[in-house]
Amino acid sequence: MALERSDVEKIAHLARLGLNDADIPRTTEALNSILGLIDQMQAVDTTGIEPLAHPLEASQRLRADVVTETNHREAYQSIAPAVEDGLYLVPKVIE
């Protein structure tokens, strides 16, 4: 399926794209090459082929869920201007 200039102008209008007259031939060629690639991919016989979640059949490597950092809350809040019950107090900005 090849697109014509009028097709590209309609697509640009629907997508609210402002294409100059000089850009339309280049855009038409680019869209036609994309559609040609899609046609090539659709022509491949894929019967009997299972879909893959990942091309390498790799699984996610997970690390152990363990605490690696110590709690520094006291040190961080010791330099804060205002703290109450372990929370930072900030000035009210919305009334």
N, C-alpha and C. Protein backbone atom coordinates (compact mmCIF):
# COMPACT_ATOMS: atom_id res chain seq x y z
N MET A 1 0.85 -1.18 0.00
CA MET A 1 0.00 0.00 0.00
C MET A 1 0.89 1.23 0.00
N ALA A 2 0.78 2.01 -1.03
CA ALA A 2 1.59 3.22 -1.14
C ALA A 2 0.72 4.44 -0.86
N LEU A 3 1.25 5.34 -0.09
CA LEU A 3 0.54 6.57 0.22
C LEU A 3 0.81 7.61 -0.86
N GLU A 4 -0.17 8.43 -1.12
CA GLU A 4 -0.03 9.52 -2.07
C GLU A 4 0.07 10.83 -1.29
N ARG A 5 0.36 11.88 -1.99
CA ARG A 5 0.50 13.19 -1.37
C ARG A 5 -0.77 13.57 -0.61
N SER A 6 -1.94 13.31 -1.21
CA SER A 6 -3.20 13.68 -0.56
C SER A 6 -3.40 12.89 0.74
N ASP A 7 -2.95 11.62 0.75
CA ASP A 7 -3.06 10.81 1.97
C ASP A 7 -2.21 11.41 3.09
N VAL A 8 -1.00 11.81 2.74
CA VAL A 8 -0.10 12.39 3.75
C VAL A 8 -0.66 13.71 4.25
N GLU A 9 -1.25 14.49 3.38
CA GLU A 9 -1.85 15.76 3.81
C GLU A 9 -3.02 15.51 4.77
N LYS A 10 -3.84 14.48 4.49
CA LYS A 10 -4.95 14.13 5.38
C LYS A 10 -4.43 13.65 6.73
N ILE A 11 -3.40 12.79 6.71
CA ILE A 11 -2.82 12.29 7.96
C ILE A 11 -2.24 13.43 8.77
N ALA A 12 -1.54 14.34 8.10
CA ALA A 12 -0.96 15.49 8.80
C ALA A 12 -2.05 16.36 9.41
N HIS A 13 -3.15 16.53 8.69
CA HIS A 13 -4.25 17.33 9.22
C HIS A 13 -4.86 16.65 10.44
N LEU A 14 -5.11 15.33 10.35
CA LEU A 14 -5.70 14.61 11.48
C LEU A 14 -4.77 14.61 12.70
N ALA A 15 -3.46 14.56 12.46
CA ALA A 15 -2.50 14.56 13.55
C ALA A 15 -2.14 15.97 14.00
N ARG A 16 -2.75 16.94 13.37
CA ARG A 16 -2.49 18.36 13.68
C ARG A 16 -1.01 18.71 13.52
N LEU A 17 -0.43 18.18 12.41
CA LEU A 17 0.96 18.49 12.09
C LEU A 17 1.00 19.52 10.99
N GLY A 18 1.84 20.51 11.15
CA GLY A 18 2.01 21.52 10.12
C GLY A 18 3.16 21.14 9.22
N LEU A 19 2.85 20.58 8.05
CA LEU A 19 3.90 20.20 7.10
C LEU A 19 3.99 21.25 6.00
N ASN A 20 5.21 21.67 5.70
CA ASN A 20 5.43 22.56 4.58
C ASN A 20 5.29 21.77 3.29
N ASP A 21 5.05 22.47 2.19
CA ASP A 21 4.96 21.79 0.90
C ASP A 21 6.26 21.09 0.55
N ALA A 22 7.38 21.62 1.03
CA ALA A 22 8.67 21.01 0.75
C ALA A 22 8.88 19.72 1.56
N ASP A 23 8.21 19.61 2.71
CA ASP A 23 8.38 18.44 3.57
C ASP A 23 7.51 17.26 3.15
N ILE A 24 6.46 17.51 2.41
CA ILE A 24 5.50 16.45 2.08
C ILE A 24 6.12 15.32 1.26
N PRO A 25 6.93 15.59 0.21
CA PRO A 25 7.52 14.45 -0.52
C PRO A 25 8.43 13.59 0.36
N ARG A 26 9.23 14.21 1.20
CA ARG A 26 10.12 13.45 2.08
C ARG A 26 9.32 12.64 3.10
N THR A 27 8.26 13.23 3.64
CA THR A 27 7.40 12.54 4.60
C THR A 27 6.66 11.38 3.92
N THR A 28 6.20 11.61 2.70
CA THR A 28 5.52 10.55 1.95
C THR A 28 6.47 9.38 1.73
N GLU A 29 7.69 9.66 1.35
CA GLU A 29 8.68 8.60 1.13
C GLU A 29 8.98 7.84 2.43
N ALA A 30 9.12 8.57 3.53
CA ALA A 30 9.41 7.93 4.82
C ALA A 30 8.25 7.04 5.26
N LEU A 31 7.02 7.52 5.12
CA LEU A 31 5.87 6.71 5.51
C LEU A 31 5.72 5.49 4.61
N ASN A 32 5.99 5.66 3.33
CA ASN A 32 5.91 4.52 2.41
C ASN A 32 6.97 3.47 2.72
N SER A 33 8.15 3.90 3.15
CA SER A 33 9.18 2.92 3.52
C SER A 33 8.79 2.18 4.80
N ILE A 34 8.16 2.87 5.73
CA ILE A 34 7.69 2.22 6.97
C ILE A 34 6.60 1.20 6.63
N LEU A 35 5.66 1.59 5.77
CA LEU A 35 4.59 0.66 5.39
C LEU A 35 5.15 -0.52 4.60
N GLY A 36 6.20 -0.29 3.81
CA GLY A 36 6.84 -1.39 3.09
C GLY A 36 7.49 -2.37 4.05
N LEU A 37 8.13 -1.87 5.10
CA LEU A 37 8.72 -2.74 6.10
C LEU A 37 7.65 -3.55 6.83
N ILE A 38 6.53 -2.93 7.11
CA ILE A 38 5.42 -3.64 7.76
C ILE A 38 4.91 -4.74 6.85
N ASP A 39 4.78 -4.45 5.56
CA ASP A 39 4.34 -5.48 4.61
C ASP A 39 5.33 -6.65 4.58
N GLN A 40 6.63 -6.37 4.62
CA GLN A 40 7.63 -7.43 4.64
C GLN A 40 7.49 -8.29 5.89
N MET A 41 7.29 -7.65 7.02
CA MET A 41 7.18 -8.40 8.27
C MET A 41 5.90 -9.23 8.30
N GLN A 42 4.82 -8.72 7.73
CA GLN A 42 3.57 -9.47 7.70
C GLN A 42 3.64 -10.64 6.72
N ALA A 43 4.55 -10.60 5.76
CA ALA A 43 4.66 -11.67 4.77
C ALA A 43 5.39 -12.89 5.33
N VAL A 44 6.05 -12.75 6.46
CA VAL A 44 6.79 -13.87 7.05
C VAL A 44 5.81 -14.88 7.63
N ASP A 45 6.05 -16.16 7.33
CA ASP A 45 5.19 -17.24 7.84
C ASP A 45 5.57 -17.53 9.29
N THR A 46 4.65 -17.27 10.20
CA THR A 46 4.91 -17.46 11.63
C THR A 46 4.04 -18.54 12.23
N THR A 47 3.48 -19.41 11.41
CA THR A 47 2.65 -20.47 11.96
C THR A 47 3.50 -21.43 12.77
N GLY A 48 3.00 -21.80 13.92
CA GLY A 48 3.71 -22.72 14.80
C GLY A 48 4.79 -22.08 15.65
N ILE A 49 4.91 -20.78 15.61
CA ILE A 49 5.94 -20.10 16.41
C ILE A 49 5.26 -19.46 17.61
N GLU A 50 5.76 -19.81 18.79
CA GLU A 50 5.21 -19.26 20.03
C GLU A 50 5.70 -17.82 20.22
N PRO A 51 4.83 -16.93 20.68
CA PRO A 51 5.29 -15.56 20.96
C PRO A 51 6.23 -15.55 22.16
N LEU A 52 7.18 -14.64 22.14
CA LEU A 52 8.17 -14.53 23.21
C LEU A 52 7.93 -13.28 24.04
N ALA A 53 8.18 -13.38 25.31
CA ALA A 53 8.13 -12.20 26.16
C ALA A 53 9.44 -11.44 26.06
N HIS A 54 10.51 -12.15 25.76
CA HIS A 54 11.84 -11.56 25.65
C HIS A 54 12.58 -12.35 24.57
N PRO A 55 13.31 -11.69 23.67
CA PRO A 55 13.95 -12.42 22.57
C PRO A 55 15.01 -13.41 23.02
N LEU A 56 15.55 -13.26 24.20
CA LEU A 56 16.59 -14.16 24.67
C LEU A 56 16.09 -15.12 25.74
N GLU A 57 14.77 -15.14 25.97
CA GLU A 57 14.19 -16.00 27.00
C GLU A 57 14.90 -15.81 28.35
N ALA A 58 15.26 -14.59 28.64
CA ALA A 58 15.96 -14.29 29.89
C ALA A 58 14.94 -14.04 31.00
N SER A 59 15.34 -14.35 32.20
CA SER A 59 14.49 -14.05 33.34
C SER A 59 15.12 -12.91 34.13
N GLN A 60 14.30 -12.22 34.86
CA GLN A 60 14.76 -11.08 35.63
C GLN A 60 15.66 -11.55 36.77
N ARG A 61 16.86 -10.99 36.83
CA ARG A 61 17.74 -11.32 37.95
C ARG A 61 17.35 -10.45 39.13
N LEU A 62 16.97 -11.08 40.20
CA LEU A 62 16.54 -10.35 41.38
C LEU A 62 17.57 -10.50 42.49
N ARG A 63 17.77 -9.42 43.19
CA ARG A 63 18.67 -9.48 44.33
C ARG A 63 17.86 -9.80 45.58
N ALA A 64 18.53 -10.23 46.58
CA ALA A 64 17.85 -10.54 47.84
C ALA A 64 17.32 -9.24 48.45
N ASP A 65 16.14 -9.30 49.03
CA ASP A 65 15.51 -8.13 49.62
C ASP A 65 15.98 -7.99 51.07
N VAL A 66 17.19 -7.45 51.22
CA VAL A 66 17.77 -7.27 52.54
C VAL A 66 18.17 -5.81 52.72
N VAL A 67 18.18 -5.37 53.94
CA VAL A 67 18.58 -4.00 54.26
C VAL A 67 20.09 -3.89 54.10
N THR A 68 20.54 -2.93 53.28
CA THR A 68 21.97 -2.75 53.08
C THR A 68 22.48 -1.43 53.65
N GLU A 69 21.56 -0.53 53.97
CA GLU A 69 21.94 0.77 54.52
C GLU A 69 21.46 0.87 55.96
N THR A 70 22.22 1.58 56.76
CA THR A 70 21.79 1.80 58.14
C THR A 70 20.86 3.00 58.19
N ASN A 71 20.09 3.10 59.25
CA ASN A 71 19.14 4.19 59.42
C ASN A 71 19.89 5.45 59.85
N HIS A 72 19.83 6.50 59.01
CA HIS A 72 20.51 7.77 59.29
C HIS A 72 19.51 8.87 59.62
N ARG A 73 18.29 8.51 60.01
CA ARG A 73 17.26 9.52 60.24
C ARG A 73 17.69 10.54 61.29
N GLU A 74 18.23 10.08 62.39
CA GLU A 74 18.63 11.01 63.47
C GLU A 74 19.68 12.00 62.98
N ALA A 75 20.65 11.52 62.23
CA ALA A 75 21.71 12.42 61.74
C ALA A 75 21.14 13.43 60.75
N TYR A 76 20.26 12.99 59.86
CA TYR A 76 19.68 13.91 58.87
C TYR A 76 18.74 14.92 59.52
N GLN A 77 17.97 14.47 60.50
CA GLN A 77 17.01 15.38 61.12
C GLN A 77 17.65 16.28 62.17
N SER A 78 18.85 15.97 62.58
CA SER A 78 19.50 16.83 63.58
C SER A 78 19.85 18.19 63.01
N ILE A 79 20.00 18.31 61.70
CA ILE A 79 20.33 19.60 61.09
C ILE A 79 19.11 20.29 60.51
N ALA A 80 17.94 19.67 60.59
CA ALA A 80 16.72 20.26 60.06
C ALA A 80 16.24 21.37 60.98
N PRO A 81 15.63 22.41 60.43
CA PRO A 81 15.15 23.51 61.26
C PRO A 81 14.02 23.10 62.21
N ALA A 82 13.11 22.22 61.76
CA ALA A 82 11.99 21.81 62.62
C ALA A 82 11.61 20.37 62.32
N VAL A 83 11.56 19.57 63.40
CA VAL A 83 11.21 18.15 63.28
C VAL A 83 10.26 17.82 64.42
N GLU A 84 9.27 16.96 64.13
CA GLU A 84 8.36 16.51 65.18
C GLU A 84 7.96 15.08 64.89
N ASP A 85 8.14 14.20 65.86
CA ASP A 85 7.79 12.78 65.74
C ASP A 85 8.41 12.12 64.52
N GLY A 86 9.65 12.49 64.22
CA GLY A 86 10.36 11.89 63.09
C GLY A 86 9.99 12.45 61.74
N LEU A 87 9.20 13.51 61.70
CA LEU A 87 8.77 14.13 60.45
C LEU A 87 9.33 15.55 60.35
N TYR A 88 9.66 15.96 59.13
CA TYR A 88 10.12 17.32 58.90
C TYR A 88 8.92 18.26 58.90
N LEU A 89 9.04 19.37 59.60
CA LEU A 89 7.98 20.37 59.62
C LEU A 89 8.37 21.48 58.65
N VAL A 90 7.42 21.84 57.79
CA VAL A 90 7.67 22.88 56.78
C VAL A 90 6.61 23.95 56.90
N PRO A 91 6.90 25.15 56.43
CA PRO A 91 5.91 26.23 56.50
C PRO A 91 4.69 25.89 55.64
N LYS A 92 3.52 26.35 56.08
CA LYS A 92 2.29 26.14 55.33
C LYS A 92 2.32 27.02 54.09
N VAL A 93 2.07 26.43 52.92
CA VAL A 93 2.11 27.21 51.68
C VAL A 93 0.74 27.32 51.03
N ILE A 94 -0.21 26.48 51.42
CA ILE A 94 -1.55 26.53 50.88
C ILE A 94 -2.51 26.77 52.03
N GLU A 95 -3.40 27.73 51.84
CA GLU A 95 -4.36 28.03 52.90
C GLU A 95 -5.69 27.37 52.62
